[in-house]
All heavy atoms as atom14 arrays in JSON, in Angstrom:
{
  "sequence": "QDNEILLFKPKPGEYRLYVGGKFVIFRVPEGHR",
  "atom14_mask": [
    [1, 1, 1, 1, 1, 1, 1, 1, 1, 0, 0, 0, 0, 0],
    [1, 1, 1, 1, 1, 1, 1, 1, 0, 0, 0, 0, 0, 0],
    [1, 1, 1, 1, 1, 1, 1, 1, 0, 0, 0, 0, 0, 0],
    [1, 1, 1, 1, 1, 1, 1, 1, 1, 0, 0, 0, 0, 0],
    [1, 1, 1, 1, 1, 1, 1, 1, 0, 0, 0, 0, 0, 0],
    [1, 1, 1, 1, 1, 1, 1, 1, 0, 0, 0, 0, 0, 0],
    [1, 1, 1, 1, 1, 1, 1, 1, 0, 0, 0, 0, 0, 0],
    [1, 1, 1, 1, 1, 1, 1, 1, 1, 1, 1, 0, 0, 0],
    [1, 1, 1, 1, 1, 1, 1, 1, 1, 0, 0, 0, 0, 0],
    [1, 1, 1, 1, 1, 1, 1, 0, 0, 0, 0, 0, 0, 0],
    [1, 1, 1, 1, 1, 1, 1, 1, 1, 0, 0, 0, 0, 0],
    [1, 1, 1, 1, 1, 1, 1, 0, 0, 0, 0, 0, 0, 0],
    [1, 1, 1, 1, 0, 0, 0, 0, 0, 0, 0, 0, 0, 0],
    [1, 1, 1, 1, 1, 1, 1, 1, 1, 0, 0, 0, 0, 0],
    [1, 1, 1, 1, 1, 1, 1, 1, 1, 1, 1, 1, 0, 0],
    [1, 1, 1, 1, 1, 1, 1, 1, 1, 1, 1, 0, 0, 0],
    [1, 1, 1, 1, 1, 1, 1, 1, 0, 0, 0, 0, 0, 0],
    [1, 1, 1, 1, 1, 1, 1, 1, 1, 1, 1, 1, 0, 0],
    [1, 1, 1, 1, 1, 1, 1, 0, 0, 0, 0, 0, 0, 0],
    [1, 1, 1, 1, 0, 0, 0, 0, 0, 0, 0, 0, 0, 0],
    [1, 1, 1, 1, 0, 0, 0, 0, 0, 0, 0, 0, 0, 0],
    [1, 1, 1, 1, 1, 1, 1, 1, 1, 0, 0, 0, 0, 0],
    [1, 1, 1, 1, 1, 1, 1, 1, 1, 1, 1, 0, 0, 0],
    [1, 1, 1, 1, 1, 1, 1, 0, 0, 0, 0, 0, 0, 0],
    [1, 1, 1, 1, 1, 1, 1, 1, 0, 0, 0, 0, 0, 0],
    [1, 1, 1, 1, 1, 1, 1, 1, 1, 1, 1, 0, 0, 0],
    [1, 1, 1, 1, 1, 1, 1, 1, 1, 1, 1, 0, 0, 0],
    [1, 1, 1, 1, 1, 1, 1, 0, 0, 0, 0, 0, 0, 0],
    [1, 1, 1, 1, 1, 1, 1, 0, 0, 0, 0, 0, 0, 0],
    [1, 1, 1, 1, 1, 1, 1, 1, 1, 0, 0, 0, 0, 0],
    [1, 1, 1, 1, 0, 0, 0, 0, 0, 0, 0, 0, 0, 0],
    [1, 1, 1, 1, 1, 1, 1, 1, 1, 1, 0, 0, 0, 0],
    [1, 1, 1, 1, 1, 1, 1, 1, 1, 1, 1, 0, 0, 0]
  ],
  "atom14_positions": [
    [[0.82, -1.2, 0.0], [0.03, 0.02, -0.02], [0.89, 1.26, 0.0], [1.61, 1.53, 0.94], [-0.91, -0.02, 1.24], [-1.73, 1.19, 1.49], [-2.57, 1.64, 0.29], [-2.28, 2.59, -0.4], [-3.69, 0.88, 0.04], [0.0, 0.0, 0.0], [0.0, 0.0, 0.0], [0.0, 0.0, 0.0], [0.0, 0.0, 0.0], [0.0, 0.0, 0.0]],
    [[0.81, 2.05, -1.12], [1.69, 3.18, -1.19], [1.24, 4.35, -0.26], [2.05, 5.16, 0.21], [1.87, 3.71, -2.65], [0.56, 4.0, -3.33], [-0.47, 3.79, -2.75], [0.64, 4.44, -4.51], [0.0, 0.0, 0.0], [0.0, 0.0, 0.0], [0.0, 0.0, 0.0], [0.0, 0.0, 0.0], [0.0, 0.0, 0.0], [0.0, 0.0, 0.0]],
    [[-0.03, 4.46, 0.06], [-0.51, 5.46, 0.99], [-0.93, 4.82, 2.31], [-2.01, 4.99, 2.81], [-1.7, 6.21, 0.36], [-1.35, 7.09, -0.82], [-0.14, 7.43, -0.98], [-2.25, 7.39, -1.6], [0.0, 0.0, 0.0], [0.0, 0.0, 0.0], [0.0, 0.0, 0.0], [0.0, 0.0, 0.0], [0.0, 0.0, 0.0], [0.0, 0.0, 0.0]],
    [[0.02, 4.08, 2.88], [-0.22, 3.4, 4.17], [-0.44, 4.47, 5.26], [-1.45, 4.41, 5.97], [1.03, 2.54, 4.51], [0.82, 1.55, 5.6], [-0.04, 0.35, 5.28], [-1.24, 0.52, 5.3], [0.49, -0.73, 5.0], [0.0, 0.0, 0.0], [0.0, 0.0, 0.0], [0.0, 0.0, 0.0], [0.0, 0.0, 0.0], [0.0, 0.0, 0.0]],
    [[0.43, 5.44, 5.36], [0.19, 6.65, 6.12], [0.64, 7.84, 5.25], [1.78, 7.83, 4.78], [0.99, 6.72, 7.44], [0.67, 5.5, 8.35], [0.65, 8.02, 8.19], [1.59, 5.42, 9.6], [0.0, 0.0, 0.0], [0.0, 0.0, 0.0], [0.0, 0.0, 0.0], [0.0, 0.0, 0.0], [0.0, 0.0, 0.0], [0.0, 0.0, 0.0]],
    [[-0.23, 8.77, 5.02], [0.12, 9.92, 4.25], [-0.51, 11.19, 4.81], [-1.68, 11.19, 5.1], [-0.32, 9.75, 2.75], [-0.14, 10.94, 1.81], [1.33, 11.25, 1.57], [-0.81, 10.66, 0.44], [0.0, 0.0, 0.0], [0.0, 0.0, 0.0], [0.0, 0.0, 0.0], [0.0, 0.0, 0.0], [0.0, 0.0, 0.0], [0.0, 0.0, 0.0]],
    [[0.33, 12.22, 5.03], [-0.2, 13.53, 5.4], [0.03, 14.44, 4.17], [1.14, 14.69, 3.78], [0.53, 14.07, 6.64], [-0.01, 15.41, 7.16], [-1.47, 15.26, 7.61], [0.9, 15.89, 8.3], [0.0, 0.0, 0.0], [0.0, 0.0, 0.0], [0.0, 0.0, 0.0], [0.0, 0.0, 0.0], [0.0, 0.0, 0.0], [0.0, 0.0, 0.0]],
    [[-1.11, 14.89, 3.62], [-1.12, 15.56, 2.33], [-1.91, 16.83, 2.44], [-2.94, 16.86, 3.11], [-1.75, 14.61, 1.29], [-1.58, 15.04, -0.15], [-0.35, 14.78, -0.77], [-2.59, 15.61, -0.86], [-0.18, 15.22, -2.09], [-2.47, 16.01, -2.17], [-1.26, 15.81, -2.8], [0.0, 0.0, 0.0], [0.0, 0.0, 0.0], [0.0, 0.0, 0.0]],
    [[-1.48, 17.89, 1.74], [-2.21, 19.15, 1.74], [-2.62, 19.45, 0.28], [-1.81, 19.94, -0.49], [-1.4, 20.26, 2.31], [-2.26, 21.36, 2.89], [-1.52, 22.31, 3.79], [-2.52, 23.41, 4.22], [-1.89, 24.64, 4.69], [0.0, 0.0, 0.0], [0.0, 0.0, 0.0], [0.0, 0.0, 0.0], [0.0, 0.0, 0.0], [0.0, 0.0, 0.0]],
    [[-3.85, 19.1, -0.1], [-4.25, 19.29, -1.52], [-4.4, 20.76, -1.92], [-4.23, 21.1, -3.08], [-5.55, 18.58, -1.61], [-6.13, 18.47, -0.23], [-4.89, 18.48, 0.68], [0.0, 0.0, 0.0], [0.0, 0.0, 0.0], [0.0, 0.0, 0.0], [0.0, 0.0, 0.0], [0.0, 0.0, 0.0], [0.0, 0.0, 0.0], [0.0, 0.0, 0.0]],
    [[-4.74, 21.6, -0.97], [-4.95, 23.06, -1.22], [-4.91, 23.78, 0.07], [-5.0, 23.2, 1.16], [-6.27, 23.25, -1.93], [-7.49, 22.82, -1.13], [-8.76, 22.93, -1.94], [-9.98, 22.57, -1.11], [-11.2, 22.37, -1.88], [0.0, 0.0, 0.0], [0.0, 0.0, 0.0], [0.0, 0.0, 0.0], [0.0, 0.0, 0.0], [0.0, 0.0, 0.0]],
    [[-4.79, 25.14, 0.02], [-4.79, 25.88, 1.26], [-6.07, 25.65, 2.09], [-7.13, 25.49, 1.54], [-4.76, 27.33, 0.76], [-4.07, 27.26, -0.57], [-4.53, 25.98, -1.15], [0.0, 0.0, 0.0], [0.0, 0.0, 0.0], [0.0, 0.0, 0.0], [0.0, 0.0, 0.0], [0.0, 0.0, 0.0], [0.0, 0.0, 0.0], [0.0, 0.0, 0.0]],
    [[-5.88, 25.5, 3.4], [-6.98, 25.28, 4.31], [-7.5, 23.86, 4.42], [-8.53, 23.61, 4.99], [0.0, 0.0, 0.0], [0.0, 0.0, 0.0], [0.0, 0.0, 0.0], [0.0, 0.0, 0.0], [0.0, 0.0, 0.0], [0.0, 0.0, 0.0], [0.0, 0.0, 0.0], [0.0, 0.0, 0.0], [0.0, 0.0, 0.0], [0.0, 0.0, 0.0]],
    [[-6.75, 22.93, 3.83], [-7.25, 21.53, 3.9], [-6.06, 20.53, 4.06], [-5.1, 20.63, 3.35], [-7.99, 21.2, 2.62], [-8.65, 19.83, 2.62], [-9.51, 19.57, 1.38], [-10.39, 20.44, 1.08], [-9.3, 18.59, 0.68], [0.0, 0.0, 0.0], [0.0, 0.0, 0.0], [0.0, 0.0, 0.0], [0.0, 0.0, 0.0], [0.0, 0.0, 0.0]],
    [[-6.18, 19.65, 5.07], [-5.25, 18.56, 5.16], [-5.97, 17.26, 4.96], [-7.16, 17.1, 5.33], [-4.68, 18.52, 6.6], [-3.56, 19.49, 6.88], [-3.83, 20.77, 7.36], [-2.2, 19.18, 6.67], [-2.83, 21.71, 7.58], [-1.18, 20.08, 6.91], [-1.5, 21.32, 7.41], [-0.48, 22.21, 7.63], [0.0, 0.0, 0.0], [0.0, 0.0, 0.0]],
    [[-5.28, 16.26, 4.36], [-5.8, 14.97, 4.2], [-4.9, 13.98, 4.99], [-3.69, 14.01, 4.78], [-5.84, 14.48, 2.78], [-6.95, 15.12, 1.97], [-6.99, 14.48, 0.57], [-7.91, 15.21, -0.3], [-8.03, 15.01, -1.56], [-7.32, 14.01, -2.15], [-8.88, 15.73, -2.29], [0.0, 0.0, 0.0], [0.0, 0.0, 0.0], [0.0, 0.0, 0.0]],
    [[-5.51, 13.13, 5.83], [-4.8, 12.07, 6.48], [-5.25, 10.76, 5.84], [-6.43, 10.38, 5.89], [-5.11, 12.07, 8.01], [-4.56, 10.87, 8.74], [-3.03, 10.83, 8.76], [-5.12, 10.79, 10.15], [0.0, 0.0, 0.0], [0.0, 0.0, 0.0], [0.0, 0.0, 0.0], [0.0, 0.0, 0.0], [0.0, 0.0, 0.0], [0.0, 0.0, 0.0]],
    [[-4.26, 10.02, 5.24], [-4.55, 8.74, 4.67], [-4.08, 7.62, 5.62], [-3.0, 7.73, 6.19], [-3.77, 8.55, 3.35], [-4.25, 9.3, 2.2], [-4.02, 10.67, 2.05], [-4.89, 8.63, 1.14], [-4.42, 11.34, 0.95], [-5.33, 9.34, -0.01], [-5.09, 10.67, -0.11], [-5.48, 11.38, -1.21], [0.0, 0.0, 0.0], [0.0, 0.0, 0.0]],
    [[-4.87, 6.58, 5.79], [-4.46, 5.35, 6.44], [-4.88, 4.19, 5.53], [-6.11, 4.09, 5.2], [-5.08, 5.19, 7.86], [-4.68, 3.87, 8.45], [-4.67, 6.34, 8.73], [0.0, 0.0, 0.0], [0.0, 0.0, 0.0], [0.0, 0.0, 0.0], [0.0, 0.0, 0.0], [0.0, 0.0, 0.0], [0.0, 0.0, 0.0], [0.0, 0.0, 0.0]],
    [[-3.95, 3.4, 5.1], [-4.28, 2.25, 4.22], [-5.01, 2.63, 2.95], [-5.91, 1.91, 2.53], [0.0, 0.0, 0.0], [0.0, 0.0, 0.0], [0.0, 0.0, 0.0], [0.0, 0.0, 0.0], [0.0, 0.0, 0.0], [0.0, 0.0, 0.0], [0.0, 0.0, 0.0], [0.0, 0.0, 0.0], [0.0, 0.0, 0.0], [0.0, 0.0, 0.0]],
    [[-4.67, 3.74, 2.38], [-5.2, 4.17, 1.09], [-6.52, 4.95, 1.16], [-6.97, 5.52, 0.17], [0.0, 0.0, 0.0], [0.0, 0.0, 0.0], [0.0, 0.0, 0.0], [0.0, 0.0, 0.0], [0.0, 0.0, 0.0], [0.0, 0.0, 0.0], [0.0, 0.0, 0.0], [0.0, 0.0, 0.0], [0.0, 0.0, 0.0], [0.0, 0.0, 0.0]],
    [[-7.15, 5.0, 2.34], [-8.4, 5.76, 2.54], [-8.07, 7.05, 3.25], [-7.06, 7.07, 4.04], [-9.45, 4.96, 3.33], [-9.75, 3.61, 2.79], [-10.96, 3.72, 1.8], [-11.64, 2.41, 1.51], [-10.78, 1.26, 1.24], [0.0, 0.0, 0.0], [0.0, 0.0, 0.0], [0.0, 0.0, 0.0], [0.0, 0.0, 0.0], [0.0, 0.0, 0.0]],
    [[-8.84, 8.14, 3.07], [-8.49, 9.36, 3.73], [-9.7, 10.1, 4.35], [-10.81, 9.84, 3.97], [-7.73, 10.32, 2.84], [-8.57, 10.87, 1.73], [-9.25, 12.05, 1.86], [-8.64, 10.24, 0.45], [-10.0, 12.6, 0.8], [-9.37, 10.81, -0.62], [-10.06, 11.97, -0.41], [0.0, 0.0, 0.0], [0.0, 0.0, 0.0], [0.0, 0.0, 0.0]],
    [[-9.39, 10.93, 5.32], [-10.36, 11.9, 5.88], [-9.79, 13.3, 5.65], [-8.57, 13.47, 5.62], [-10.67, 11.62, 7.35], [-11.57, 10.43, 7.53], [-9.47, 11.5, 8.18], [0.0, 0.0, 0.0], [0.0, 0.0, 0.0], [0.0, 0.0, 0.0], [0.0, 0.0, 0.0], [0.0, 0.0, 0.0], [0.0, 0.0, 0.0], [0.0, 0.0, 0.0]],
    [[-10.63, 14.27, 5.62], [-10.3, 15.67, 5.36], [-10.46, 16.48, 6.65], [-11.49, 16.39, 7.32], [-11.13, 16.27, 4.25], [-10.76, 15.62, 2.89], [-10.91, 17.82, 4.14], [-11.7, 15.99, 1.73], [0.0, 0.0, 0.0], [0.0, 0.0, 0.0], [0.0, 0.0, 0.0], [0.0, 0.0, 0.0], [0.0, 0.0, 0.0], [0.0, 0.0, 0.0]],
    [[-9.45, 17.32, 6.97], [-9.56, 18.25, 8.04], [-9.39, 19.66, 7.5], [-8.37, 19.91, 6.86], [-8.53, 17.96, 9.17], [-8.74, 16.67, 9.82], [-8.05, 15.51, 9.37], [-9.6, 16.53, 10.86], [-8.23, 14.28, 9.97], [-9.8, 15.29, 11.49], [-9.11, 14.17, 11.05], [0.0, 0.0, 0.0], [0.0, 0.0, 0.0], [0.0, 0.0, 0.0]],
    [[-10.38, 20.53, 7.69], [-10.32, 21.88, 7.16], [-9.8, 22.81, 8.24], [-10.32, 22.81, 9.35], [-11.69, 22.33, 6.66], [-12.05, 21.56, 5.4], [-13.45, 21.95, 4.81], [-13.67, 21.07, 3.66], [-14.23, 19.89, 3.71], [-14.62, 19.39, 4.86], [-14.42, 19.16, 2.61], [0.0, 0.0, 0.0], [0.0, 0.0, 0.0], [0.0, 0.0, 0.0]],
    [[-8.82, 23.62, 7.88], [-8.16, 24.51, 8.91], [-8.19, 25.96, 8.43], [-8.31, 26.2, 7.23], [-6.71, 24.02, 9.12], [-6.68, 22.62, 9.7], [-5.86, 24.16, 7.84], [0.0, 0.0, 0.0], [0.0, 0.0, 0.0], [0.0, 0.0, 0.0], [0.0, 0.0, 0.0], [0.0, 0.0, 0.0], [0.0, 0.0, 0.0], [0.0, 0.0, 0.0]],
    [[-7.98, 26.9, 9.34], [-7.95, 28.32, 8.85], [-6.68, 28.54, 8.09], [-5.66, 27.88, 8.33], [-7.9, 29.1, 10.22], [-7.53, 28.11, 11.26], [-7.93, 26.77, 10.75], [0.0, 0.0, 0.0], [0.0, 0.0, 0.0], [0.0, 0.0, 0.0], [0.0, 0.0, 0.0], [0.0, 0.0, 0.0], [0.0, 0.0, 0.0], [0.0, 0.0, 0.0]],
    [[-6.81, 29.37, 7.09], [-5.68, 29.52, 6.15], [-5.28, 30.98, 6.14], [-6.07, 31.86, 6.52], [-6.19, 29.11, 4.74], [-5.08, 29.0, 3.7], [-3.93, 28.11, 4.12], [-4.19, 26.97, 4.62], [-2.81, 28.58, 3.98], [0.0, 0.0, 0.0], [0.0, 0.0, 0.0], [0.0, 0.0, 0.0], [0.0, 0.0, 0.0], [0.0, 0.0, 0.0]],
    [[-4.0, 31.2, 5.74], [-3.59, 32.54, 5.38], [-2.73, 33.2, 6.42], [-2.5, 34.4, 6.34], [0.0, 0.0, 0.0], [0.0, 0.0, 0.0], [0.0, 0.0, 0.0], [0.0, 0.0, 0.0], [0.0, 0.0, 0.0], [0.0, 0.0, 0.0], [0.0, 0.0, 0.0], [0.0, 0.0, 0.0], [0.0, 0.0, 0.0], [0.0, 0.0, 0.0]],
    [[-2.21, 32.47, 7.38], [-1.33, 33.14, 8.36], [0.1, 33.23, 7.86], [0.93, 33.99, 8.41], [-1.34, 32.37, 9.7], [-2.74, 32.25, 10.28], [-3.46, 33.38, 10.54], [-3.46, 31.2, 10.66], [-4.65, 32.97, 11.01], [-4.67, 31.64, 11.1], [0.0, 0.0, 0.0], [0.0, 0.0, 0.0], [0.0, 0.0, 0.0], [0.0, 0.0, 0.0]],
    [[0.45, 32.43, 6.84], [1.83, 32.45, 6.31], [2.81, 32.26, 7.44], [3.78, 33.07, 7.61], [2.14, 33.73, 5.5], [1.34, 33.8, 4.2], [2.05, 32.96, 3.13], [1.2, 32.95, 1.93], [0.34, 31.94, 1.64], [0.22, 30.96, 2.49], [-0.33, 31.95, 0.54], [0.0, 0.0, 0.0], [0.0, 0.0, 0.0], [0.0, 0.0, 0.0]]
  ]
}
């Protein structure tokens, strides 16, 4: 499984946590640089 654990940011304000190829999305405040 290539995405066994993956922390990925597809766009500003969003993180994806993958476990075993499946993921959940966490939306965060953006723009603090």
